[in-house]
Amino acid sequence: MKRARRNHGATFKAQGALAAVKGDKTLAELAEQFQAHPTQIPEWK
């Protein structure tokens, strides 16, 4: 059975975008931290 699709809120996306802008971690590390696909994080920026 498939996992239910998740909808991320604006504050969650903002946290991910700010972490990506800082540039301390790679997209793969951020994706693991936020449990999101690596291609989603640049879209949040």
N, C-alpha and C. Protein backbone atom coordinates (compact mmCIF):
# COMPACT_ATOMS: atom_id res chain seq x y z
N MET A 1 0.84 -1.17 0.00
CA MET A 1 0.00 0.00 0.00
C MET A 1 0.89 1.24 0.00
N LYS A 2 0.50 2.24 -0.76
CA LYS A 2 1.28 3.46 -0.88
C LYS A 2 1.11 4.35 0.35
N ARG A 3 2.14 5.14 0.58
CA ARG A 3 2.09 6.11 1.66
C ARG A 3 1.21 7.29 1.23
N ALA A 4 0.46 7.85 2.14
CA ALA A 4 -0.40 8.98 1.82
C ALA A 4 0.44 10.19 1.43
N ARG A 5 -0.06 10.94 0.50
CA ARG A 5 0.64 12.13 0.03
C ARG A 5 0.62 13.20 1.11
N ARG A 6 1.78 13.84 1.32
CA ARG A 6 1.88 14.86 2.36
C ARG A 6 1.84 16.25 1.76
N ASN A 7 1.18 17.15 2.44
CA ASN A 7 1.16 18.56 2.06
C ASN A 7 1.97 19.33 3.10
N HIS A 8 2.99 20.04 2.63
CA HIS A 8 3.86 20.78 3.54
C HIS A 8 3.33 22.21 3.69
N GLY A 9 3.31 22.68 4.92
CA GLY A 9 2.83 24.03 5.20
C GLY A 9 3.86 25.08 4.84
N ALA A 10 3.43 26.32 4.87
CA ALA A 10 4.29 27.44 4.49
C ALA A 10 5.48 27.59 5.43
N THR A 11 5.27 27.39 6.73
CA THR A 11 6.38 27.54 7.67
C THR A 11 7.42 26.44 7.48
N PHE A 12 6.96 25.24 7.18
CA PHE A 12 7.88 24.13 6.94
C PHE A 12 8.72 24.41 5.70
N LYS A 13 8.07 24.90 4.64
CA LYS A 13 8.78 25.22 3.40
C LYS A 13 9.77 26.35 3.62
N ALA A 14 9.38 27.35 4.42
CA ALA A 14 10.27 28.48 4.70
C ALA A 14 11.52 28.02 5.45
N GLN A 15 11.36 27.10 6.39
CA GLN A 15 12.51 26.57 7.11
C GLN A 15 13.45 25.85 6.17
N GLY A 16 12.90 25.06 5.27
CA GLY A 16 13.71 24.35 4.29
C GLY A 16 14.41 25.30 3.34
N ALA A 17 13.71 26.33 2.90
CA ALA A 17 14.30 27.30 1.98
C ALA A 17 15.42 28.08 2.65
N LEU A 18 15.22 28.48 3.89
CA LEU A 18 16.27 29.21 4.61
C LEU A 18 17.50 28.34 4.82
N ALA A 19 17.29 27.09 5.13
CA ALA A 19 18.42 26.17 5.31
C ALA A 19 19.17 25.99 3.99
N ALA A 20 18.44 25.98 2.87
CA ALA A 20 19.08 25.82 1.57
C ALA A 20 19.86 27.06 1.18
N VAL A 21 19.33 28.23 1.52
CA VAL A 21 20.00 29.48 1.18
C VAL A 21 21.29 29.64 1.97
N LYS A 22 21.31 29.16 3.21
CA LYS A 22 22.53 29.23 4.02
C LYS A 22 23.68 28.49 3.35
N GLY A 23 23.37 27.36 2.73
CA GLY A 23 24.39 26.62 2.00
C GLY A 23 25.31 25.78 2.86
N ASP A 24 24.95 25.55 4.11
CA ASP A 24 25.79 24.75 5.00
C ASP A 24 25.72 23.26 4.66
N LYS A 25 24.58 22.82 4.13
CA LYS A 25 24.38 21.40 3.84
C LYS A 25 24.02 21.22 2.37
N THR A 26 24.24 20.03 1.86
CA THR A 26 23.87 19.72 0.49
C THR A 26 22.36 19.49 0.41
N LEU A 27 21.85 19.47 -0.82
CA LEU A 27 20.42 19.22 -1.00
C LEU A 27 20.04 17.85 -0.49
N ALA A 28 20.92 16.87 -0.67
CA ALA A 28 20.63 15.52 -0.19
C ALA A 28 20.52 15.49 1.33
N GLU A 29 21.41 16.21 2.00
CA GLU A 29 21.36 16.25 3.47
C GLU A 29 20.10 16.97 3.95
N LEU A 30 19.75 18.06 3.27
CA LEU A 30 18.53 18.78 3.65
C LEU A 30 17.29 17.94 3.39
N ALA A 31 17.29 17.21 2.29
CA ALA A 31 16.14 16.36 1.97
C ALA A 31 15.95 15.29 3.03
N GLU A 32 17.05 14.76 3.51
CA GLU A 32 16.95 13.75 4.57
C GLU A 32 16.46 14.38 5.86
N GLN A 33 16.96 15.56 6.17
CA GLN A 33 16.57 16.24 7.40
C GLN A 33 15.08 16.59 7.39
N PHE A 34 14.58 17.09 6.26
CA PHE A 34 13.19 17.52 6.17
C PHE A 34 12.27 16.42 5.63
N GLN A 35 12.81 15.26 5.36
CA GLN A 35 12.06 14.13 4.83
C GLN A 35 11.25 14.53 3.60
N ALA A 36 11.95 15.14 2.66
CA ALA A 36 11.34 15.57 1.40
C ALA A 36 12.25 15.14 0.26
N HIS A 37 11.72 15.15 -0.95
CA HIS A 37 12.52 14.79 -2.11
C HIS A 37 13.51 15.93 -2.41
N PRO A 38 14.73 15.61 -2.83
CA PRO A 38 15.73 16.66 -3.07
C PRO A 38 15.31 17.72 -4.10
N THR A 39 14.45 17.39 -5.03
CA THR A 39 14.04 18.39 -6.02
C THR A 39 13.00 19.37 -5.46
N GLN A 40 12.39 19.05 -4.34
CA GLN A 40 11.39 19.96 -3.76
C GLN A 40 12.04 21.17 -3.12
N ILE A 41 13.19 20.99 -2.54
CA ILE A 41 13.82 22.07 -1.76
C ILE A 41 14.16 23.28 -2.64
N PRO A 42 14.75 23.12 -3.81
CA PRO A 42 14.98 24.31 -4.64
C PRO A 42 13.68 24.99 -5.08
N GLU A 43 12.61 24.24 -5.21
CA GLU A 43 11.32 24.85 -5.55
C GLU A 43 10.81 25.72 -4.41
N TRP A 44 11.15 25.37 -3.19
CA TRP A 44 10.71 26.15 -2.03
C TRP A 44 11.47 27.48 -1.94
N LYS A 45 12.67 27.53 -2.51
CA LYS A 45 13.44 28.76 -2.48
C LYS A 45 12.69 29.83 -3.26
